[in-house]
Amino acid sequence: SLYDELRVGDHFLGVGALKMAPKKFQFGFFRSPAADASRAALIKDVPSIDYYVVGNHHIAGLNNRDFALLMSPHPLILELSPTGHSRTLDVIPHEFRVLPLKSPATGPRSDEAMYREIEGLSIPVGLYGQDQDDVLYLLTRQAGPQGDTIWRLFQIDVDKGHVVGSPMVLPTHAHHLTAVNTAENWYFFERGVVSAAGNQAIPSMMVISNASIKARRLPVECQNQ
């Protein structure tokens, strides 16, 4: 089962469940060669799979390097290698501690309670690589004082192992947010609450240029669609 996958150079990086033997599965991050995607190899297991099945982006490629967001009580960013060794980037602020979900995913009927619980948490929810800038980005959500959500985008220098400057506070209070980055623009899909059976409205999309994201400065006006 694949929860997320992307191509990084000559291979695929993914997170999901791998069948290791009859009736034996392991959950974690894996690599497989692009020439034969069926040859998947687990390179890092995860303590719990709950956060990886909600549609957030926990893996990133950056100039042929593999990075993963480890959703543990002390969340970390890992640079993964084919040998299974990992380099730790301990750059996530302490206020984004990951708590075990009281309403984990058990099927469509669990979606409403699970996403409602996530809306009240302050956690990291996305990892993104920007090759031309050689920068990694971390998206976080934080429960605001008025029941809203504060979304921040952290810029990370992976070679120096630290956050660059102050995070960019995104101009949205969406209940849930999906980010897609390209060389020119970032696209933020503003998603509403999740109701029974996983139904969810996506009323708008916000577009911010990559130049503004790199400079950590909001443009005077964001394009909305």
C-alpha atoms as a PDB file:
ATOM      1  CA  SER A   1       0.000   0.000   0.000  1.00  0.00           C
ATOM      2  CA  LEU A   2       1.321   3.435  -0.953  1.00  0.00           C
ATOM      3  CA  TYR A   3       0.395   6.493   1.091  1.00  0.00           C
ATOM      4  CA  ASP A   4       2.729   8.835  -0.793  1.00  0.00           C
ATOM      5  CA  GLU A   5       5.383   8.432  -3.496  1.00  0.00           C
ATOM      6  CA  LEU A   6       7.566  10.633  -5.687  1.00  0.00           C
ATOM      7  CA  ARG A   7      10.422  10.232  -8.127  1.00  0.00           C
ATOM      8  CA  VAL A   8      13.864  11.409  -7.020  1.00  0.00           C
ATOM      9  CA  GLY A   9      16.478  11.089  -9.762  1.00  0.00           C
ATOM     10  CA  ASP A  10      16.798   7.434 -10.760  1.00  0.00           C
ATOM     11  CA  HIS A  11      14.516   6.026  -8.058  1.00  0.00           C
ATOM     12  CA  PHE A  12      11.186   6.364  -6.291  1.00  0.00           C
ATOM     13  CA  LEU A  13      10.864   7.383  -2.653  1.00  0.00           C
ATOM     14  CA  GLY A  14       7.700   6.373  -0.847  1.00  0.00           C
ATOM     15  CA  VAL A  15       5.971   5.764   2.446  1.00  0.00           C
ATOM     16  CA  GLY A  16       3.538   2.933   3.014  1.00  0.00           C
ATOM     17  CA  ALA A  17       3.179  -0.731   3.884  1.00  0.00           C
ATOM     18  CA  LEU A  18       5.516  -3.315   2.397  1.00  0.00           C
ATOM     19  CA  LYS A  19       4.795  -7.033   2.353  1.00  0.00           C
ATOM     20  CA  MET A  20       7.967  -8.669   3.684  1.00  0.00           C
ATOM     21  CA  ALA A  21       6.608 -12.242   3.849  1.00  0.00           C
ATOM     22  CA  PRO A  22       3.191 -13.941   3.791  1.00  0.00           C
ATOM     23  CA  LYS A  23       0.943 -12.080   6.258  1.00  0.00           C
ATOM     24  CA  LYS A  24       3.889  -9.943   7.408  1.00  0.00           C
ATOM     25  CA  PHE A  25       3.924  -6.219   6.669  1.00  0.00           C
ATOM     26  CA  GLN A  26       6.234  -3.401   7.707  1.00  0.00           C
ATOM     27  CA  PHE A  27       5.387   0.282   7.629  1.00  0.00           C
ATOM     28  CA  GLY A  28       7.904   2.947   6.738  1.00  0.00           C
ATOM     29  CA  PHE A  29       9.882   4.764   4.066  1.00  0.00           C
ATOM     30  CA  PHE A  30      11.176   2.826   1.086  1.00  0.00           C
ATOM     31  CA  ARG A  31      13.088   3.207  -2.177  1.00  0.00           C
ATOM     32  CA  SER A  32      12.687   1.415  -5.460  1.00  0.00           C
ATOM     33  CA  PRO A  33      14.609   1.834  -8.744  1.00  0.00           C
ATOM     34  CA  ALA A  34      12.721   3.703 -11.444  1.00  0.00           C
ATOM     35  CA  ALA A  35      13.648   0.958 -13.898  1.00  0.00           C
ATOM     36  CA  ASP A  36      11.850  -1.650 -11.777  1.00  0.00           C
ATOM     37  CA  ALA A  37       9.504  -0.137  -9.214  1.00  0.00           C
ATOM     38  CA  SER A  38       8.541  -3.580  -7.912  1.00  0.00           C
ATOM     39  CA  ARG A  39      11.971  -3.951  -6.265  1.00  0.00           C
ATOM     40  CA  ALA A  40      11.079  -1.901  -3.199  1.00  0.00           C
ATOM     41  CA  ALA A  41      13.382  -1.875  -0.173  1.00  0.00           C
ATOM     42  CA  LEU A  42      12.438  -0.573   3.264  1.00  0.00           C
ATOM     43  CA  ILE A  43      15.017   1.948   4.466  1.00  0.00           C
ATOM     44  CA  LYS A  44      13.386   3.319   7.632  1.00  0.00           C
ATOM     45  CA  ASP A  45      10.429   2.027   9.601  1.00  0.00           C
ATOM     46  CA  VAL A  46       7.986   4.330  11.398  1.00  0.00           C
ATOM     47  CA  PRO A  47       6.617   3.917  14.942  1.00  0.00           C
ATOM     48  CA  SER A  48       3.017   4.613  13.910  1.00  0.00           C
ATOM     49  CA  ILE A  49       1.330   4.929  10.534  1.00  0.00           C
ATOM     50  CA  ASP A  50      -1.692   7.038  11.579  1.00  0.00           C
ATOM     51  CA  TYR A  51      -0.375  10.429  10.435  1.00  0.00           C
ATOM     52  CA  TYR A  52       0.834   9.080   7.093  1.00  0.00           C
ATOM     53  CA  VAL A  53      -2.617   8.077   5.829  1.00  0.00           C
ATOM     54  CA  VAL A  54      -4.319  11.490   6.009  1.00  0.00           C
ATOM     55  CA  GLY A  55      -3.046  12.799   2.681  1.00  0.00           C
ATOM     56  CA  ASN A  56      -0.222  15.062   3.853  1.00  0.00           C
ATOM     57  CA  HIS A  57       3.209  15.137   2.202  1.00  0.00           C
ATOM     58  CA  HIS A  58       5.855  13.534   4.431  1.00  0.00           C
ATOM     59  CA  ILE A  59       8.608  12.861   1.872  1.00  0.00           C
ATOM     60  CA  ALA A  60      10.665  15.157  -0.355  1.00  0.00           C
ATOM     61  CA  GLY A  61      13.418  14.965  -2.926  1.00  0.00           C
ATOM     62  CA  LEU A  62      16.100  17.611  -3.174  1.00  0.00           C
ATOM     63  CA  ASN A  63      18.705  17.341  -5.944  1.00  0.00           C
ATOM     64  CA  ASN A  64      18.710  13.526  -5.864  1.00  0.00           C
ATOM     65  CA  ARG A  65      18.705  13.404  -2.060  1.00  0.00           C
ATOM     66  CA  ASP A  66      15.891  11.757  -0.063  1.00  0.00           C
ATOM     67  CA  PHE A  67      14.244  13.422   2.924  1.00  0.00           C
ATOM     68  CA  ALA A  68      11.432  12.237   5.184  1.00  0.00           C
ATOM     69  CA  LEU A  69       9.389  13.703   8.006  1.00  0.00           C
ATOM     70  CA  LEU A  70       9.356  11.353  10.990  1.00  0.00           C
ATOM     71  CA  MET A  71       6.088  11.858  12.862  1.00  0.00           C
ATOM     72  CA  SER A  72       7.208  10.918  16.364  1.00  0.00           C
ATOM     73  CA  PRO A  73       6.589  12.720  19.695  1.00  0.00           C
ATOM     74  CA  HIS A  74       9.826  14.588  18.920  1.00  0.00           C
ATOM     75  CA  PRO A  75       9.373  15.054  15.150  1.00  0.00           C
ATOM     76  CA  LEU A  76      12.495  15.042  13.013  1.00  0.00           C
ATOM     77  CA  ILE A  77      13.508  15.489   9.397  1.00  0.00           C
ATOM     78  CA  LEU A  78      15.673  12.628   8.165  1.00  0.00           C
ATOM     79  CA  GLU A  79      17.993  12.498   5.184  1.00  0.00           C
ATOM     80  CA  LEU A  80      17.766   8.877   4.067  1.00  0.00           C
ATOM     81  CA  SER A  81      20.411   6.828   2.317  1.00  0.00           C
ATOM     82  CA  PRO A  82      20.050   3.575   0.336  1.00  0.00           C
ATOM     83  CA  THR A  83      21.935   1.709   3.072  1.00  0.00           C
ATOM     84  CA  GLY A  84      19.290   2.506   5.677  1.00  0.00           C
ATOM     85  CA  HIS A  85      21.439   4.988   7.556  1.00  0.00           C
ATOM     86  CA  SER A  86      19.915   8.397   8.148  1.00  0.00           C
ATOM     87  CA  ARG A  87      21.153  11.863   9.000  1.00  0.00           C
ATOM     88  CA  THR A  88      18.966  13.724  11.471  1.00  0.00           C
ATOM     89  CA  LEU A  89      17.930  17.350  11.051  1.00  0.00           C
ATOM     90  CA  ASP A  90      16.578  18.365  14.457  1.00  0.00           C
ATOM     91  CA  VAL A  91      15.134  21.672  13.281  1.00  0.00           C
ATOM     92  CA  ILE A  92      11.414  21.432  14.064  1.00  0.00           C
ATOM     93  CA  PRO A  93      10.363  23.815  16.865  1.00  0.00           C
ATOM     94  CA  HIS A  94       9.316  22.142  20.111  1.00  0.00           C
ATOM     95  CA  GLU A  95       5.767  23.538  19.958  1.00  0.00           C
ATOM     96  CA  PHE A  96       5.009  21.177  17.062  1.00  0.00           C
ATOM     97  CA  ARG A  97       5.111  18.031  19.158  1.00  0.00           C
ATOM     98  CA  VAL A  98       3.290  15.071  17.612  1.00  0.00           C
ATOM     99  CA  LEU A  99       0.675  13.399  19.805  1.00  0.00           C
ATOM    100  CA  PRO A 100      -0.862   9.958  19.255  1.00  0.00           C
ATOM    101  CA  LEU A 101      -4.213  10.309  17.525  1.00  0.00           C
ATOM    102  CA  LYS A 102      -7.158   9.385  19.729  1.00  0.00           C
ATOM    103  CA  SER A 103      -9.238   8.872  16.575  1.00  0.00           C
ATOM    104  CA  PRO A 104      -6.937   6.998  14.173  1.00  0.00           C
ATOM    105  CA  ALA A 105      -7.911   6.023  10.647  1.00  0.00           C
ATOM    106  CA  THR A 106      -9.927   2.803  10.638  1.00  0.00           C
ATOM    107  CA  GLY A 107     -11.950   3.426   7.459  1.00  0.00           C
ATOM    108  CA  PRO A 108     -14.249   6.074   5.958  1.00  0.00           C
ATOM    109  CA  ARG A 109     -16.401   6.248   9.090  1.00  0.00           C
ATOM    110  CA  SER A 110     -13.430   7.423  11.143  1.00  0.00           C
ATOM    111  CA  ASP A 111     -12.529  10.351   8.859  1.00  0.00           C
ATOM    112  CA  GLU A 112     -14.762  13.006  10.409  1.00  0.00           C
ATOM    113  CA  ALA A 113     -13.523  12.471  13.986  1.00  0.00           C
ATOM    114  CA  MET A 114      -9.892  12.076  12.940  1.00  0.00           C
ATOM    115  CA  TYR A 115      -9.721  15.271  10.901  1.00  0.00           C
ATOM    116  CA  ARG A 116     -11.602  17.213  13.563  1.00  0.00           C
ATOM    117  CA  GLU A 117      -8.977  16.118  16.076  1.00  0.00           C
ATOM    118  CA  ILE A 118      -6.152  17.140  13.718  1.00  0.00           C
ATOM    119  CA  GLU A 119      -7.686  20.619  13.404  1.00  0.00           C
ATOM    120  CA  GLY A 120      -6.966  21.180  17.094  1.00  0.00           C
ATOM    121  CA  LEU A 121      -3.302  20.130  16.917  1.00  0.00           C
ATOM    122  CA  SER A 122      -0.067  22.012  16.286  1.00  0.00           C
ATOM    123  CA  ILE A 123       1.996  19.647  14.121  1.00  0.00           C
ATOM    124  CA  PRO A 124       4.206  19.504  11.021  1.00  0.00           C
ATOM    125  CA  VAL A 125       2.157  18.490   7.980  1.00  0.00           C
ATOM    126  CA  GLY A 126       4.304  18.811   4.863  1.00  0.00           C
ATOM    127  CA  LEU A 127       7.833  18.496   3.486  1.00  0.00           C
ATOM    128  CA  TYR A 128       8.852  19.925   0.108  1.00  0.00           C
ATOM    129  CA  GLY A 129      12.082  20.201  -1.884  1.00  0.00           C
ATOM    130  CA  GLN A 130      12.907  23.048  -4.250  1.00  0.00           C
ATOM    131  CA  ASP A 131      15.782  21.865  -6.441  1.00  0.00           C
ATOM    132  CA  GLN A 132      16.744  25.113  -8.151  1.00  0.00           C
ATOM    133  CA  ASP A 133      17.085  26.879  -4.775  1.00  0.00           C
ATOM    134  CA  ASP A 134      18.600  23.854  -2.989  1.00  0.00           C
ATOM    135  CA  VAL A 135      16.166  24.461  -0.137  1.00  0.00           C
ATOM    136  CA  LEU A 136      13.857  22.222   1.860  1.00  0.00           C
ATOM    137  CA  TYR A 137      10.548  23.559   3.179  1.00  0.00           C
ATOM    138  CA  LEU A 138       8.468  22.437   6.154  1.00  0.00           C
ATOM    139  CA  LEU A 139       4.764  23.275   6.414  1.00  0.00           C
ATOM    140  CA  THR A 140       3.207  23.396   9.884  1.00  0.00           C
ATOM    141  CA  ARG A 141      -0.270  23.946  11.251  1.00  0.00           C
ATOM    142  CA  GLN A 142      -1.069  25.516  14.619  1.00  0.00           C
ATOM    143  CA  ALA A 143      -4.422  25.863  16.336  1.00  0.00           C
ATOM    144  CA  GLY A 144      -5.182  29.584  16.648  1.00  0.00           C
ATOM    145  CA  PRO A 145      -6.792  31.339  19.631  1.00  0.00           C
ATOM    146  CA  GLN A 146     -10.077  31.914  17.788  1.00  0.00           C
ATOM    147  CA  GLY A 147     -10.492  28.338  16.611  1.00  0.00           C
ATOM    148  CA  ASP A 148      -8.731  29.158  13.346  1.00  0.00           C
ATOM    149  CA  THR A 149      -5.509  27.697  11.917  1.00  0.00           C
ATOM    150  CA  ILE A 150      -2.133  29.417  11.562  1.00  0.00           C
ATOM    151  CA  TRP A 151      -0.096  28.012   8.671  1.00  0.00           C
ATOM    152  CA  ARG A 152       3.679  28.537   8.570  1.00  0.00           C
ATOM    153  CA  LEU A 153       6.296  27.617   5.976  1.00  0.00           C
ATOM    154  CA  PHE A 154       9.825  27.082   7.317  1.00  0.00           C
ATOM    155  CA  GLN A 155      12.839  27.305   5.001  1.00  0.00           C
ATOM    156  CA  ILE A 156      15.610  24.828   5.855  1.00  0.00           C
ATOM    157  CA  ASP A 157      19.252  24.828   4.783  1.00  0.00           C
ATOM    158  CA  VAL A 158      19.902  21.078   4.763  1.00  0.00           C
ATOM    159  CA  ASP A 159      23.703  21.316   4.551  1.00  0.00           C
ATOM    160  CA  LYS A 160      24.019  23.676   7.510  1.00  0.00           C
ATOM    161  CA  GLY A 161      21.181  21.898   9.309  1.00  0.00           C
ATOM    162  CA  HIS A 162      19.195  24.912  10.462  1.00  0.00           C
ATOM    163  CA  VAL A 163      16.111  26.990   9.739  1.00  0.00           C
ATOM    164  CA  VAL A 164      16.747  30.077   7.606  1.00  0.00           C
ATOM    165  CA  GLY A 165      15.321  33.237   9.173  1.00  0.00           C
ATOM    166  CA  SER A 166      11.758  33.459  10.435  1.00  0.00           C
ATOM    167  CA  PRO A 167       8.982  31.266   9.023  1.00  0.00           C
ATOM    168  CA  MET A 168       6.578  32.677   6.486  1.00  0.00           C
ATOM    169  CA  VAL A 169       3.015  32.942   7.825  1.00  0.00           C
ATOM    170  CA  LEU A 170       0.695  32.075   4.972  1.00  0.00           C
ATOM    171  CA  PRO A 171      -2.365  34.282   4.345  1.00  0.00           C
ATOM    172  CA  THR A 172      -4.941  31.578   4.949  1.00  0.00           C
ATOM    173  CA  HIS A 173      -6.881  30.107   7.859  1.00  0.00           C
ATOM    174  CA  ALA A 174      -8.168  27.076   5.960  1.00  0.00           C
ATOM    175  CA  HIS A 175      -9.143  24.064   8.033  1.00  0.00           C
ATOM    176  CA  HIS A 176      -6.763  21.925   5.945  1.00  0.00           C
ATOM    177  CA  LEU A 177      -4.173  22.880   3.332  1.00  0.00           C
ATOM    178  CA  THR A 178      -2.509  20.998   0.484  1.00  0.00           C
ATOM    179  CA  ALA A 179       0.616  22.548  -1.062  1.00  0.00           C
ATOM    180  CA  VAL A 180       2.064  21.782  -4.498  1.00  0.00           C
ATOM    181  CA  ASN A 181       5.322  23.483  -5.468  1.00  0.00           C
ATOM    182  CA  THR A 182       6.764  24.022  -8.935  1.00  0.00           C
ATOM    183  CA  ALA A 183       9.785  25.974 -10.191  1.00  0.00           C
ATOM    184  CA  GLU A 184       7.602  29.061 -10.780  1.00  0.00           C
ATOM    185  CA  ASN A 185       4.766  28.953  -8.248  1.00  0.00           C
ATOM    186  CA  TRP A 186       3.386  27.346  -5.123  1.00  0.00           C
ATOM    187  CA  TYR A 187      -0.258  26.271  -5.221  1.00  0.00           C
ATOM    188  CA  PHE A 188      -2.135  26.042  -1.919  1.00  0.00           C
ATOM    189  CA  PHE A 189      -5.479  24.218  -2.032  1.00  0.00           C
ATOM    190  CA  GLU A 190      -7.660  25.553   0.779  1.00  0.00           C
ATOM    191  CA  ARG A 191      -9.730  22.646   2.057  1.00  0.00           C
ATOM    192  CA  GLY A 192     -12.727  22.757   4.350  1.00  0.00           C
ATOM    193  CA  VAL A 193     -13.858  20.544   7.216  1.00  0.00           C
ATOM    194  CA  VAL A 194     -14.171  16.827   6.633  1.00  0.00           C
ATOM    195  CA  SER A 195     -17.654  15.458   7.136  1.00  0.00           C
ATOM    196  CA  ALA A 196     -19.020  11.920   7.226  1.00  0.00           C
ATOM    197  CA  ALA A 197     -17.576   9.443   4.709  1.00  0.00           C
ATOM    198  CA  GLY A 198     -14.658  11.775   3.968  1.00  0.00           C
ATOM    199  CA  ASN A 199     -16.601  14.455   2.093  1.00  0.00           C
ATOM    200  CA  GLN A 200     -14.737  17.757   1.935  1.00  0.00           C
ATOM    201  CA  ALA A 201     -15.184  21.047   0.088  1.00  0.00           C
ATOM    202  CA  ILE A 202     -12.165  22.655  -1.615  1.00  0.00           C
ATOM    203  CA  PRO A 203     -13.518  26.144  -2.344  1.00  0.00           C
ATOM    204  CA  SER A 204     -10.351  27.964  -3.357  1.00  0.00           C
ATOM    205  CA  MET A 205      -6.709  27.783  -4.387  1.00  0.00           C
ATOM    206  CA  MET A 206      -4.056  30.374  -3.535  1.00  0.00           C
ATOM    207  CA  VAL A 207      -1.038  30.934  -5.810  1.00  0.00           C
ATOM    208  CA  ILE A 208       2.224  32.467  -4.532  1.00  0.00           C
ATOM    209  CA  SER A 209       5.312  32.832  -6.703  1.00  0.00           C
ATOM    210  CA  ASN A 210       8.369  30.819  -5.774  1.00  0.00           C
ATOM    211  CA  ALA A 211      10.366  34.076  -5.731  1.00  0.00           C
ATOM    212  CA  SER A 212       8.153  35.340  -2.895  1.00  0.00           C
ATOM    213  CA  ILE A 213       8.388  32.020  -1.035  1.00  0.00           C
ATOM    214  CA  LYS A 214      12.189  32.002  -1.357  1.00  0.00           C
ATOM    215  CA  ALA A 215      12.395  35.586  -0.063  1.00  0.00           C
ATOM    216  CA  ARG A 216       9.926  34.713   2.733  1.00  0.00           C
ATOM    217  CA  ARG A 217       7.888  37.788   1.830  1.00  0.00           C
ATOM    218  CA  LEU A 218       4.254  37.798   0.853  1.00  0.00           C
ATOM    219  CA  PRO A 219       3.386  39.603  -2.359  1.00  0.00           C
ATOM    220  CA  VAL A 220       1.069  42.612  -2.098  1.00  0.00           C
ATOM    221  CA  GLU A 221      -1.683  40.424  -3.465  1.00  0.00           C
ATOM    222  CA  CYS A 222      -1.952  36.634  -3.799  1.00  0.00           C
ATOM    223  CA  GLN A 223      -3.695  35.154  -6.787  1.00  0.00           C
ATOM    224  CA  ASN A 224      -6.818  33.262  -5.723  1.00  0.00           C
ATOM    225  CA  GLN A 225      -8.885  30.911  -7.831  1.00  0.00           C
END
